[in-house]
């Protein structure tokens, strides 16, 4: 049996979308518990003095290609949000509220869909 684990995420990250889809599949197939832990990626990057990938043209181009490759590998339908990058503060707050009502995973699924 696989031990429960924590998945730190922010809706702002396209990698989070890909990971979420694969994690949900693994969770369903293996009956494991995954604790979704909302974070603010922008604040985390800022506190570490790191620029977001999209602010560095070569990294942004690579990230787009990389996300498409990962999505293809896991057979996940993927396209960049036309509003990318997005500010997710309110969405992440909603996750915390949804957790109190045991609705977090449903809310997260809906945001990603």
PDB file of N, CA and C in Angstrom:
ATOM      1  N   UNK A   1       0.840  -1.189   0.000  1.00  0.00           N
ATOM      2  CA  UNK A   1       0.000   0.000   0.000  1.00  0.00           C
ATOM      3  C   UNK A   1       0.885   1.252   0.000  1.00  0.00           C
ATOM      4  N   UNK A   2       0.513   2.201  -0.803  1.00  0.00           N
ATOM      5  CA  UNK A   2       1.258   3.452  -0.901  1.00  0.00           C
ATOM      6  C   UNK A   2       0.842   4.362   0.246  1.00  0.00           C
ATOM      7  N   UNK A   3       1.831   4.971   0.881  1.00  0.00           N
ATOM      8  CA  UNK A   3       1.548   5.885   1.987  1.00  0.00           C
ATOM      9  C   UNK A   3       0.906   7.162   1.458  1.00  0.00           C
ATOM     10  N   UNK A   4       0.057   7.793   2.265  1.00  0.00           N
ATOM     11  CA  UNK A   4      -0.510   9.092   1.875  1.00  0.00           C
ATOM     12  C   UNK A   4       0.624  10.098   1.668  1.00  0.00           C
ATOM     13  N   UNK A   5       0.392  11.047   0.787  1.00  0.00           N
ATOM     14  CA  UNK A   5       1.397  12.088   0.604  1.00  0.00           C
ATOM     15  C   UNK A   5       0.732  13.433   0.361  1.00  0.00           C
ATOM     16  N   UNK A   6       1.531  14.474   0.488  1.00  0.00           N
ATOM     17  CA  UNK A   6       1.037  15.839   0.310  1.00  0.00           C
ATOM     18  C   UNK A   6       1.450  16.358  -1.061  1.00  0.00           C
ATOM     19  N   UNK A   7       0.517  17.012  -1.720  1.00  0.00           N
ATOM     20  CA  UNK A   7       0.749  17.607  -3.035  1.00  0.00           C
ATOM     21  C   UNK A   7       0.583  19.114  -2.898  1.00  0.00           C
ATOM     22  N   UNK A   8       1.696  19.824  -2.910  1.00  0.00           N
ATOM     23  CA  UNK A   8       1.675  21.284  -2.814  1.00  0.00           C
ATOM     24  C   UNK A   8       1.411  21.838  -4.203  1.00  0.00           C
ATOM     25  N   UNK A   9       0.438  22.731  -4.318  1.00  0.00           N
ATOM     26  CA  UNK A   9       0.028  23.179  -5.646  1.00  0.00           C
ATOM     27  C   UNK A   9      -0.442  24.625  -5.647  1.00  0.00           C
ATOM     28  N   UNK A  10      -0.432  25.193  -6.842  1.00  0.00           N
ATOM     29  CA  UNK A  10      -1.024  26.501  -7.121  1.00  0.00           C
ATOM     30  C   UNK A  10      -1.627  26.395  -8.514  1.00  0.00           C
ATOM     31  N   UNK A  11      -2.849  26.842  -8.674  1.00  0.00           N
ATOM     32  CA  UNK A  11      -3.511  26.788  -9.976  1.00  0.00           C
ATOM     33  C   UNK A  11      -2.741  27.555 -11.048  1.00  0.00           C
ATOM     34  N   UNK A  12      -1.847  28.443 -10.643  1.00  0.00           N
ATOM     35  CA  UNK A  12      -1.088  29.250 -11.597  1.00  0.00           C
ATOM     36  C   UNK A  12      -0.097  28.415 -12.405  1.00  0.00           C
ATOM     37  N   UNK A  13       0.304  27.278 -11.889  1.00  0.00           N
ATOM     38  CA  UNK A  13       1.329  26.474 -12.551  1.00  0.00           C
ATOM     39  C   UNK A  13       0.723  25.469 -13.526  1.00  0.00           C
ATOM     40  N   UNK A  14       1.138  25.517 -14.799  1.00  0.00           N
ATOM     41  CA  UNK A  14       0.646  24.505 -15.739  1.00  0.00           C
ATOM     42  C   UNK A  14       1.123  23.098 -15.359  1.00  0.00           C
ATOM     43  N   UNK A  15       2.260  23.021 -14.691  1.00  0.00           N
ATOM     44  CA  UNK A  15       2.735  21.711 -14.232  1.00  0.00           C
ATOM     45  C   UNK A  15       1.800  21.139 -13.172  1.00  0.00           C
ATOM     46  N   UNK A  16       1.184  22.003 -12.385  1.00  0.00           N
ATOM     47  CA  UNK A  16       0.221  21.551 -11.385  1.00  0.00           C
ATOM     48  C   UNK A  16      -0.965  20.871 -12.054  1.00  0.00           C
ATOM     49  N   UNK A  17      -1.436  21.439 -13.152  1.00  0.00           N
ATOM     50  CA  UNK A  17      -2.557  20.847 -13.885  1.00  0.00           C
ATOM     51  C   UNK A  17      -2.210  19.429 -14.321  1.00  0.00           C
ATOM     52  N   UNK A  18      -1.046  19.279 -14.938  1.00  0.00           N
ATOM     53  CA  UNK A  18      -0.621  17.966 -15.431  1.00  0.00           C
ATOM     54  C   UNK A  18      -0.464  16.993 -14.264  1.00  0.00           C
ATOM     55  N   UNK A  19       0.201  17.432 -13.216  1.00  0.00           N
ATOM     56  CA  UNK A  19       0.401  16.573 -12.044  1.00  0.00           C
ATOM     57  C   UNK A  19      -0.937  16.185 -11.416  1.00  0.00           C
ATOM     58  N   UNK A  20      -1.846  17.144 -11.316  1.00  0.00           N
ATOM     59  CA  UNK A  20      -3.160  16.870 -10.720  1.00  0.00           C
ATOM     60  C   UNK A  20      -3.884  15.761 -11.476  1.00  0.00           C
ATOM     61  N   UNK A  21      -3.886  15.846 -12.789  1.00  0.00           N
ATOM     62  CA  UNK A  21      -4.588  14.831 -13.581  1.00  0.00           C
ATOM     63  C   UNK A  21      -3.991  13.441 -13.344  1.00  0.00           C
ATOM     64  N   UNK A  22      -2.677  13.355 -13.321  1.00  0.00           N
ATOM     65  CA  UNK A  22      -2.024  12.064 -13.112  1.00  0.00           C
ATOM     66  C   UNK A  22      -2.196  11.587 -11.668  1.00  0.00           C
ATOM     67  N   UNK A  23      -2.100  12.496 -10.733  1.00  0.00           N
ATOM     68  CA  UNK A  23      -2.283  12.142  -9.320  1.00  0.00           C
ATOM     69  C   UNK A  23      -3.688  11.611  -9.070  1.00  0.00           C
ATOM     70  N   UNK A  24      -4.688  12.238  -9.669  1.00  0.00           N
ATOM     71  CA  UNK A  24      -6.073  11.758  -9.474  1.00  0.00           C
ATOM     72  C   UNK A  24      -6.228  10.347 -10.038  1.00  0.00           C
ATOM     73  N   UNK A  25      -5.591  10.080 -11.181  1.00  0.00           N
ATOM     74  CA  UNK A  25      -5.660   8.740 -11.764  1.00  0.00           C
ATOM     75  C   UNK A  25      -5.013   7.727 -10.811  1.00  0.00           C
ATOM     76  N   UNK A  26      -3.826   8.051 -10.323  1.00  0.00           N
ATOM     77  CA  UNK A  26      -3.117   7.161  -9.396  1.00  0.00           C
ATOM     78  C   UNK A  26      -3.930   6.963  -8.121  1.00  0.00           C
ATOM     79  N   UNK A  27      -4.488   8.033  -7.619  1.00  0.00           N
ATOM     80  CA  UNK A  27      -5.295   7.981  -6.400  1.00  0.00           C
ATOM     81  C   UNK A  27      -6.486   7.042  -6.586  1.00  0.00           C
ATOM     82  N   UNK A  28      -7.168   7.166  -7.704  1.00  0.00           N
ATOM     83  CA  UNK A  28      -8.347   6.337  -7.961  1.00  0.00           C
ATOM     84  C   UNK A  28      -7.988   4.871  -8.179  1.00  0.00           C
ATOM     85  N   UNK A  29      -6.885   4.621  -8.865  1.00  0.00           N
ATOM     86  CA  UNK A  29      -6.495   3.242  -9.160  1.00  0.00           C
ATOM     87  C   UNK A  29      -5.905   2.513  -7.955  1.00  0.00           C
ATOM     88  N   UNK A  30      -5.363   3.256  -7.000  1.00  0.00           N
ATOM     89  CA  UNK A  30      -4.647   2.634  -5.890  1.00  0.00           C
ATOM     90  C   UNK A  30      -5.245   2.904  -4.520  1.00  0.00           C
ATOM     91  N   UNK A  31      -6.351   3.591  -4.469  1.00  0.00           N
ATOM     92  CA  UNK A  31      -7.009   3.909  -3.197  1.00  0.00           C
ATOM     93  C   UNK A  31      -6.044   4.508  -2.178  1.00  0.00           C
ATOM     94  N   UNK A  32      -5.295   5.503  -2.620  1.00  0.00           N
ATOM     95  CA  UNK A  32      -4.396   6.179  -1.692  1.00  0.00           C
ATOM     96  C   UNK A  32      -4.952   7.554  -1.353  1.00  0.00           C
ATOM     97  N   UNK A  33      -4.506   8.065  -0.236  1.00  0.00           N
ATOM     98  CA  UNK A  33      -4.958   9.380   0.208  1.00  0.00           C
ATOM     99  C   UNK A  33      -3.909  10.417  -0.173  1.00  0.00           C
ATOM    100  N   UNK A  34      -4.361  11.445  -0.856  1.00  0.00           N
ATOM    101  CA  UNK A  34      -3.487  12.542  -1.248  1.00  0.00           C
ATOM    102  C   UNK A  34      -4.030  13.811  -0.620  1.00  0.00           C
ATOM    103  N   UNK A  35      -3.194  14.474   0.133  1.00  0.00           N
ATOM    104  CA  UNK A  35      -3.580  15.729   0.773  1.00  0.00           C
ATOM    105  C   UNK A  35      -3.121  16.890  -0.099  1.00  0.00           C
ATOM    106  N   UNK A  36      -4.073  17.612  -0.636  1.00  0.00           N
ATOM    107  CA  UNK A  36      -3.761  18.786  -1.454  1.00  0.00           C
ATOM    108  C   UNK A  36      -3.435  19.952  -0.528  1.00  0.00           C
ATOM    109  N   UNK A  37      -2.279  20.558  -0.750  1.00  0.00           N
ATOM    110  CA  UNK A  37      -1.793  21.644   0.096  1.00  0.00           C
ATOM    111  C   UNK A  37      -1.645  22.909  -0.755  1.00  0.00           C
ATOM    112  N   UNK A  38      -2.591  23.843  -0.663  1.00  0.00           N
ATOM    113  CA  UNK A  38      -2.499  25.052  -1.480  1.00  0.00           C
ATOM    114  C   UNK A  38      -1.353  25.961  -1.038  1.00  0.00           C
ATOM    115  N   UNK A  39      -0.639  26.474  -2.022  1.00  0.00           N
ATOM    116  CA  UNK A  39       0.428  27.449  -1.775  1.00  0.00           C
ATOM    117  C   UNK A  39       0.273  28.578  -2.784  1.00  0.00           C
ATOM    118  N   UNK A  40       0.941  29.666  -2.554  1.00  0.00           N
ATOM    119  CA  UNK A  40       0.980  30.759  -3.526  1.00  0.00           C
ATOM    120  C   UNK A  40       2.358  30.731  -4.178  1.00  0.00           C
ATOM    121  N   UNK A  41       2.414  30.161  -5.375  1.00  0.00           N
ATOM    122  CA  UNK A  41       3.682  29.975  -6.065  1.00  0.00           C
ATOM    123  C   UNK A  41       4.401  31.299  -6.308  1.00  0.00           C
ATOM    124  N   UNK A  42       3.656  32.321  -6.718  1.00  0.00           N
ATOM    125  CA  UNK A  42       4.271  33.622  -6.968  1.00  0.00           C
ATOM    126  C   UNK A  42       4.956  34.175  -5.735  1.00  0.00           C
ATOM    127  N   UNK A  43       4.302  34.066  -4.589  1.00  0.00           N
ATOM    128  CA  UNK A  43       4.889  34.553  -3.336  1.00  0.00           C
ATOM    129  C   UNK A  43       6.110  33.724  -2.955  1.00  0.00           C
ATOM    130  N   UNK A  44       6.028  32.420  -3.186  1.00  0.00           N
ATOM    131  CA  UNK A  44       7.153  31.540  -2.881  1.00  0.00           C
ATOM    132  C   UNK A  44       8.364  31.898  -3.746  1.00  0.00           C
ATOM    133  N   UNK A  45       8.128  32.082  -5.043  1.00  0.00           N
ATOM    134  CA  UNK A  45       9.220  32.463  -5.946  1.00  0.00           C
ATOM    135  C   UNK A  45       9.813  33.809  -5.552  1.00  0.00           C
ATOM    136  N   UNK A  46       8.929  34.757  -5.255  1.00  0.00           N
ATOM    137  CA  UNK A  46       9.390  36.097  -4.878  1.00  0.00           C
ATOM    138  C   UNK A  46      10.247  36.045  -3.618  1.00  0.00           C
ATOM    139  N   UNK A  47       9.809  35.284  -2.628  1.00  0.00           N
ATOM    140  CA  UNK A  47      10.563  35.207  -1.370  1.00  0.00           C
ATOM    141  C   UNK A  47      11.935  34.564  -1.572  1.00  0.00           C
ATOM    142  N   UNK A  48      12.049  33.721  -2.603  1.00  0.00           N
ATOM    143  CA  UNK A  48      13.328  33.069  -2.891  1.00  0.00           C
ATOM    144  C   UNK A  48      14.157  33.857  -3.907  1.00  0.00           C
ATOM    145  N   UNK A  49      13.596  34.981  -4.395  1.00  0.00           N
ATOM    146  CA  UNK A  49      14.314  35.790  -5.375  1.00  0.00           C
ATOM    147  C   UNK A  49      14.384  35.154  -6.752  1.00  0.00           C
ATOM    148  N   UNK A  50      13.380  34.350  -7.087  1.00  0.00           N
ATOM    149  CA  UNK A  50      13.348  33.642  -8.369  1.00  0.00           C
ATOM    150  C   UNK A  50      12.279  34.262  -9.263  1.00  0.00           C
ATOM    151  N   UNK A  51      12.626  34.531 -10.512  1.00  0.00           N
ATOM    152  CA  UNK A  51      11.651  35.057 -11.468  1.00  0.00           C
ATOM    153  C   UNK A  51      10.820  33.901 -12.024  1.00  0.00           C
ATOM    154  N   UNK A  52       9.532  34.146 -12.273  1.00  0.00           N
ATOM    155  CA  UNK A  52       8.708  33.109 -12.906  1.00  0.00           C
ATOM    156  C   UNK A  52       9.256  32.769 -14.294  1.00  0.00           C
ATOM    157  N   UNK A  53       9.073  31.523 -14.708  1.00  0.00           N
ATOM    158  CA  UNK A  53       9.569  31.088 -16.018  1.00  0.00           C
ATOM    159  C   UNK A  53       9.117  31.990 -17.157  1.00  0.00           C
ATOM    160  N   UNK A  54       7.865  32.418 -17.119  1.00  0.00           N
ATOM    161  CA  UNK A  54       7.339  33.218 -18.231  1.00  0.00           C
ATOM    162  C   UNK A  54       7.968  34.610 -18.291  1.00  0.00           C
ATOM    163  N   UNK A  55       8.631  35.041 -17.240  1.00  0.00           N
ATOM    164  CA  UNK A  55       9.318  36.336 -17.252  1.00  0.00           C
ATOM    165  C   UNK A  55      10.692  36.253 -17.907  1.00  0.00           C
ATOM    166  N   UNK A  56      11.134  35.041 -18.198  1.00  0.00           N
ATOM    167  CA  UNK A  56      12.424  34.820 -18.861  1.00  0.00           C
ATOM    168  C   UNK A  56      12.108  34.115 -20.181  1.00  0.00           C
ATOM    169  N   UNK A  57      12.189  34.847 -21.312  1.00  0.00           N
ATOM    170  CA  UNK A  57      11.718  34.312 -22.594  1.00  0.00           C
ATOM    171  C   UNK A  57      12.175  32.892 -22.927  1.00  0.00           C
ATOM    172  N   UNK A  58      13.422  32.579 -22.757  1.00  0.00           N
ATOM    173  CA  UNK A  58      13.898  31.234 -23.115  1.00  0.00           C
ATOM    174  C   UNK A  58      13.281  30.170 -22.211  1.00  0.00           C
ATOM    175  N   UNK A  59      13.119  30.486 -20.926  1.00  0.00           N
ATOM    176  CA  UNK A  59      12.484  29.544 -19.996  1.00  0.00           C
ATOM    177  C   UNK A  59      10.999  29.399 -20.309  1.00  0.00           C
ATOM    178  N   UNK A  60      10.354  30.507 -20.663  1.00  0.00           N
ATOM    179  CA  UNK A  60       8.938  30.455 -21.009  1.00  0.00           C
ATOM    180  C   UNK A  60       8.683  29.567 -22.214  1.00  0.00           C
ATOM    181  N   UNK A  61       9.513  29.713 -23.249  1.00  0.00           N
ATOM    182  CA  UNK A  61       9.367  28.875 -24.454  1.00  0.00           C
ATOM    183  C   UNK A  61       9.591  27.405 -24.113  1.00  0.00           C
ATOM    184  N   UNK A  62      10.613  27.154 -23.302  1.00  0.00           N
ATOM    185  CA  UNK A  62      10.900  25.777 -22.908  1.00  0.00           C
ATOM    186  C   UNK A  62       9.740  25.197 -22.100  1.00  0.00           C
ATOM    187  N   UNK A  63       9.189  25.982 -21.177  1.00  0.00           N
ATOM    188  CA  UNK A  63       8.102  25.503 -20.337  1.00  0.00           C
ATOM    189  C   UNK A  63       6.895  25.101 -21.185  1.00  0.00           C
ATOM    190  N   UNK A  64       6.582  25.888 -22.193  1.00  0.00           N
ATOM    191  CA  UNK A  64       5.452  25.563 -23.065  1.00  0.00           C
ATOM    192  C   UNK A  64       5.682  24.215 -23.745  1.00  0.00           C
ATOM    193  N   UNK A  65       6.863  24.025 -24.312  1.00  0.00           N
ATOM    194  CA  UNK A  65       7.185  22.748 -24.970  1.00  0.00           C
ATOM    195  C   UNK A  65       7.193  21.603 -23.961  1.00  0.00           C
ATOM    196  N   UNK A  66       7.794  21.840 -22.811  1.00  0.00           N
ATOM    197  CA  UNK A  66       7.909  20.811 -21.787  1.00  0.00           C
ATOM    198  C   UNK A  66       6.538  20.354 -21.292  1.00  0.00           C
ATOM    199  N   UNK A  67       5.654  21.299 -21.039  1.00  0.00           N
ATOM    200  CA  UNK A  67       4.301  20.950 -20.579  1.00  0.00           C
ATOM    201  C   UNK A  67       3.571  20.119 -21.623  1.00  0.00           C
ATOM    202  N   UNK A  68       3.727  20.491 -22.879  1.00  0.00           N
ATOM    203  CA  UNK A  68       3.073  19.723 -23.949  1.00  0.00           C
ATOM    204  C   UNK A  68       3.618  18.302 -24.008  1.00  0.00           C
ATOM    205  N   UNK A  69       4.930  18.153 -23.832  1.00  0.00           N
ATOM    206  CA  UNK A  69       5.532  16.814 -23.843  1.00  0.00           C
ATOM    207  C   UNK A  69       5.044  15.963 -22.670  1.00  0.00           C
ATOM    208  N   UNK A  70       4.995  16.548 -21.466  1.00  0.00           N
ATOM    209  CA  UNK A  70       4.516  15.804 -20.304  1.00  0.00           C
ATOM    210  C   UNK A  70       3.050  15.414 -20.472  1.00  0.00           C
ATOM    211  N   UNK A  71       2.255  16.334 -20.982  1.00  0.00           N
ATOM    212  CA  UNK A  71       0.833  16.039 -21.194  1.00  0.00           C
ATOM    213  C   UNK A  71       0.669  14.913 -22.209  1.00  0.00           C
ATOM    214  N   UNK A  72       1.462  14.962 -23.257  1.00  0.00           N
ATOM    215  CA  UNK A  72       1.410  13.904 -24.271  1.00  0.00           C
ATOM    216  C   UNK A  72       1.818  12.560 -23.664  1.00  0.00           C
ATOM    217  N   UNK A  73       2.872  12.573 -22.865  1.00  0.00           N
ATOM    218  CA  UNK A  73       3.351  11.335 -22.228  1.00  0.00           C
ATOM    219  C   UNK A  73       2.254  10.676 -21.392  1.00  0.00           C
ATOM    220  N   UNK A  74       1.484  11.483 -20.680  1.00  0.00           N
ATOM    221  CA  UNK A  74       0.441  10.950 -19.805  1.00  0.00           C
ATOM    222  C   UNK A  74      -0.949  10.984 -20.434  1.00  0.00           C
ATOM    223  N   UNK A  75      -0.989  11.292 -21.724  1.00  0.00           N
ATOM    224  CA  UNK A  75      -2.250  11.305 -22.466  1.00  0.00           C
ATOM    225  C   UNK A  75      -3.280  12.232 -21.813  1.00  0.00           C
ATOM    226  N   UNK A  76      -2.830  13.444 -21.513  1.00  0.00           N
ATOM    227  CA  UNK A  76      -3.673  14.450 -20.878  1.00  0.00           C
ATOM    228  C   UNK A  76      -3.931  15.565 -21.879  1.00  0.00           C
ATOM    229  N   UNK A  77      -5.191  15.907 -22.059  1.00  0.00           N
ATOM    230  CA  UNK A  77      -5.522  17.029 -22.941  1.00  0.00           C
ATOM    231  C   UNK A  77      -5.038  18.313 -22.271  1.00  0.00           C
ATOM    232  N   UNK A  78      -4.209  19.058 -22.981  1.00  0.00           N
ATOM    233  CA  UNK A  78      -3.574  20.221 -22.365  1.00  0.00           C
ATOM    234  C   UNK A  78      -3.494  21.382 -23.339  1.00  0.00           C
ATOM    235  N   UNK A  79      -3.821  22.555 -22.835  1.00  0.00           N
ATOM    236  CA  UNK A  79      -3.548  23.790 -23.564  1.00  0.00           C
ATOM    237  C   UNK A  79      -3.377  24.887 -22.524  1.00  0.00           C
ATOM    238  N   UNK A  80      -2.544  25.855 -22.855  1.00  0.00           N
ATOM    239  CA  UNK A  80      -2.318  26.941 -21.910  1.00  0.00           C
ATOM    240  C   UNK A  80      -3.572  27.784 -21.765  1.00  0.00           C
ATOM    241  N   UNK A  81      -3.840  28.190 -20.553  1.00  0.00           N
ATOM    242  CA  UNK A  81      -4.944  29.094 -20.256  1.00  0.00           C
ATOM    243  C   UNK A  81      -4.715  30.392 -21.029  1.00  0.00           C
ATOM    244  N   UNK A  82      -5.722  30.855 -21.746  1.00  0.00           N
ATOM    245  CA  UNK A  82      -5.571  32.083 -22.540  1.00  0.00           C
ATOM    246  C   UNK A  82      -5.349  33.303 -21.653  1.00  0.00           C
ATOM    247  N   UNK A  83      -5.617  33.173 -20.364  1.00  0.00           N
ATOM    248  CA  UNK A  83      -5.401  34.275 -19.425  1.00  0.00           C
ATOM    249  C   UNK A  83      -4.085  34.124 -18.658  1.00  0.00           C
ATOM    250  N   UNK A  84      -3.276  33.142 -19.045  1.00  0.00           N
ATOM    251  CA  UNK A  84      -2.018  32.851 -18.354  1.00  0.00           C
ATOM    252  C   UNK A  84      -1.049  33.996 -18.522  1.00  0.00           C
ATOM    253  N   UNK A  85      -0.322  34.378 -17.492  1.00  0.00           N
ATOM    254  CA  UNK A  85      -0.402  33.888 -16.115  1.00  0.00           C
ATOM    255  C   UNK A  85      -1.590  34.500 -15.378  1.00  0.00           C
ATOM    256  N   UNK A  86      -2.096  33.786 -14.413  1.00  0.00           N
ATOM    257  CA  UNK A  86      -3.261  34.254 -13.672  1.00  0.00           C
ATOM    258  C   UNK A  86      -2.904  34.492 -12.206  1.00  0.00           C
ATOM    259  N   UNK A  87      -3.675  35.357 -11.587  1.00  0.00           N
ATOM    260  CA  UNK A  87      -3.526  35.601 -10.150  1.00  0.00           C
ATOM    261  C   UNK A  87      -4.489  34.651  -9.448  1.00  0.00           C
ATOM    262  N   UNK A  88      -3.961  33.811  -8.592  1.00  0.00           N
ATOM    263  CA  UNK A  88      -4.766  32.734  -8.011  1.00  0.00           C
ATOM    264  C   UNK A  88      -5.092  32.915  -6.532  1.00  0.00           C
ATOM    265  N   UNK A  89      -4.776  34.049  -5.974  1.00  0.00           N
ATOM    266  CA  UNK A  89      -4.977  34.254  -4.538  1.00  0.00           C
ATOM    267  C   UNK A  89      -6.393  33.885  -4.102  1.00  0.00           C
ATOM    268  N   UNK A  90      -7.403  34.400  -4.787  1.00  0.00           N
ATOM    269  CA  UNK A  90      -8.783  34.108  -4.379  1.00  0.00           C
ATOM    270  C   UNK A  90      -9.148  32.642  -4.585  1.00  0.00           C
ATOM    271  N   UNK A  91      -8.659  32.036  -5.672  1.00  0.00           N
ATOM    272  CA  UNK A  91      -8.923  30.612  -5.884  1.00  0.00           C
ATOM    273  C   UNK A  91      -8.301  29.764  -4.776  1.00  0.00           C
ATOM    274  N   UNK A  92      -7.095  30.111  -4.379  1.00  0.00           N
ATOM    275  CA  UNK A  92      -6.425  29.342  -3.332  1.00  0.00           C
ATOM    276  C   UNK A  92      -7.140  29.524  -1.991  1.00  0.00           C
ATOM    277  N   UNK A  93      -7.659  30.709  -1.759  1.00  0.00           N
ATOM    278  CA  UNK A  93      -8.464  30.935  -0.548  1.00  0.00           C
ATOM    279  C   UNK A  93      -9.727  30.071  -0.582  1.00  0.00           C
ATOM    280  N   UNK A  94     -10.323  29.962  -1.746  1.00  0.00           N
ATOM    281  CA  UNK A  94     -11.529  29.135  -1.883  1.00  0.00           C
ATOM    282  C   UNK A  94     -11.235  27.674  -1.559  1.00  0.00           C
ATOM    283  N   UNK A  95     -10.047  27.208  -1.905  1.00  0.00           N
ATOM    284  CA  UNK A  95      -9.669  25.835  -1.557  1.00  0.00           C
ATOM    285  C   UNK A  95      -9.709  25.654  -0.042  1.00  0.00           C
ATOM    286  N   UNK A  96      -9.194  26.631   0.684  1.00  0.00           N
ATOM    287  CA  UNK A  96      -9.189  26.543   2.152  1.00  0.00           C
ATOM    288  C   UNK A  96     -10.608  26.494   2.714  1.00  0.00           C
ATOM    289  N   UNK A  97     -11.503  27.286   2.141  1.00  0.00           N
ATOM    290  CA  UNK A  97     -12.904  27.269   2.573  1.00  0.00           C
ATOM    291  C   UNK A  97     -13.535  25.925   2.220  1.00  0.00           C
ATOM    292  N   UNK A  98     -13.276  25.441   1.002  1.00  0.00           N
ATOM    293  CA  UNK A  98     -13.838  24.160   0.565  1.00  0.00           C
ATOM    294  C   UNK A  98     -13.351  23.011   1.447  1.00  0.00           C
ATOM    295  N   UNK A  99     -12.107  23.092   1.914  1.00  0.00           N
ATOM    296  CA  UNK A  99     -11.579  22.048   2.801  1.00  0.00           C
ATOM    297  C   UNK A  99     -12.409  21.923   4.071  1.00  0.00           C
ATOM    298  N   UNK A 100     -12.863  23.045   4.598  1.00  0.00           N
ATOM    299  CA  UNK A 100     -13.643  23.024   5.837  1.00  0.00           C
ATOM    300  C   UNK A 100     -14.981  22.319   5.651  1.00  0.00           C
ATOM    301  N   UNK A 101     -15.445  22.250   4.416  1.00  0.00           N
ATOM    302  CA  UNK A 101     -16.715  21.590   4.122  1.00  0.00           C
ATOM    303  C   UNK A 101     -16.491  20.255   3.399  1.00  0.00           C
ATOM    304  N   UNK A 102     -15.252  19.767   3.428  1.00  0.00           N
ATOM    305  CA  UNK A 102     -14.874  18.509   2.760  1.00  0.00           C
ATOM    306  C   UNK A 102     -15.191  18.526   1.269  1.00  0.00           C
ATOM    307  N   UNK A 103     -15.047  19.677   0.651  1.00  0.00           N
ATOM    308  CA  UNK A 103     -15.333  19.826  -0.777  1.00  0.00           C
ATOM    309  C   UNK A 103     -14.100  20.215  -1.593  1.00  0.00           C
ATOM    310  N   UNK A 104     -12.942  20.191  -0.978  1.00  0.00           N
ATOM    311  CA  UNK A 104     -11.737  20.700  -1.642  1.00  0.00           C
ATOM    312  C   UNK A 104     -11.419  19.957  -2.933  1.00  0.00           C
ATOM    313  N   UNK A 105     -11.424  18.642  -2.906  1.00  0.00           N
ATOM    314  CA  UNK A 105     -11.058  17.901  -4.123  1.00  0.00           C
ATOM    315  C   UNK A 105     -12.050  18.155  -5.245  1.00  0.00           C
ATOM    316  N   UNK A 106     -13.336  18.233  -4.911  1.00  0.00           N
ATOM    317  CA  UNK A 106     -14.334  18.551  -5.940  1.00  0.00           C
ATOM    318  C   UNK A 106     -14.096  19.940  -6.509  1.00  0.00           C
ATOM    319  N   UNK A 107     -13.809  20.897  -5.646  1.00  0.00           N
ATOM    320  CA  UNK A 107     -13.545  22.265  -6.092  1.00  0.00           C
ATOM    321  C   UNK A 107     -12.308  22.301  -6.987  1.00  0.00           C
ATOM    322  N   UNK A 108     -11.248  21.644  -6.564  1.00  0.00           N
ATOM    323  CA  UNK A 108     -10.008  21.619  -7.341  1.00  0.00           C
ATOM    324  C   UNK A 108     -10.250  20.995  -8.714  1.00  0.00           C
ATOM    325  N   UNK A 109     -10.986  19.887  -8.752  1.00  0.00           N
ATOM    326  CA  UNK A 109     -11.317  19.254 -10.037  1.00  0.00           C
ATOM    327  C   UNK A 109     -12.052  20.225 -10.952  1.00  0.00           C
ATOM    328  N   UNK A 110     -13.019  20.934 -10.404  1.00  0.00           N
ATOM    329  CA  UNK A 110     -13.812  21.875 -11.209  1.00  0.00           C
ATOM    330  C   UNK A 110     -12.953  23.014 -11.743  1.00  0.00           C
ATOM    331  N   UNK A 111     -12.057  23.537 -10.927  1.00  0.00           N
ATOM    332  CA  UNK A 111     -11.186  24.624 -11.394  1.00  0.00           C
ATOM    333  C   UNK A 111     -10.310  24.130 -12.535  1.00  0.00           C
ATOM    334  N   UNK A 112      -9.761  22.944 -12.410  1.00  0.00           N
ATOM    335  CA  UNK A 112      -8.890  22.420 -13.459  1.00  0.00           C
ATOM    336  C   UNK A 112      -9.654  22.022 -14.715  1.00  0.00           C
ATOM    337  N   UNK A 113     -10.915  21.648 -14.569  1.00  0.00           N
ATOM    338  CA  UNK A 113     -11.701  21.282 -15.753  1.00  0.00           C
ATOM    339  C   UNK A 113     -12.239  22.522 -16.418  1.00  0.00           C
TER     340      UNK A 113
END
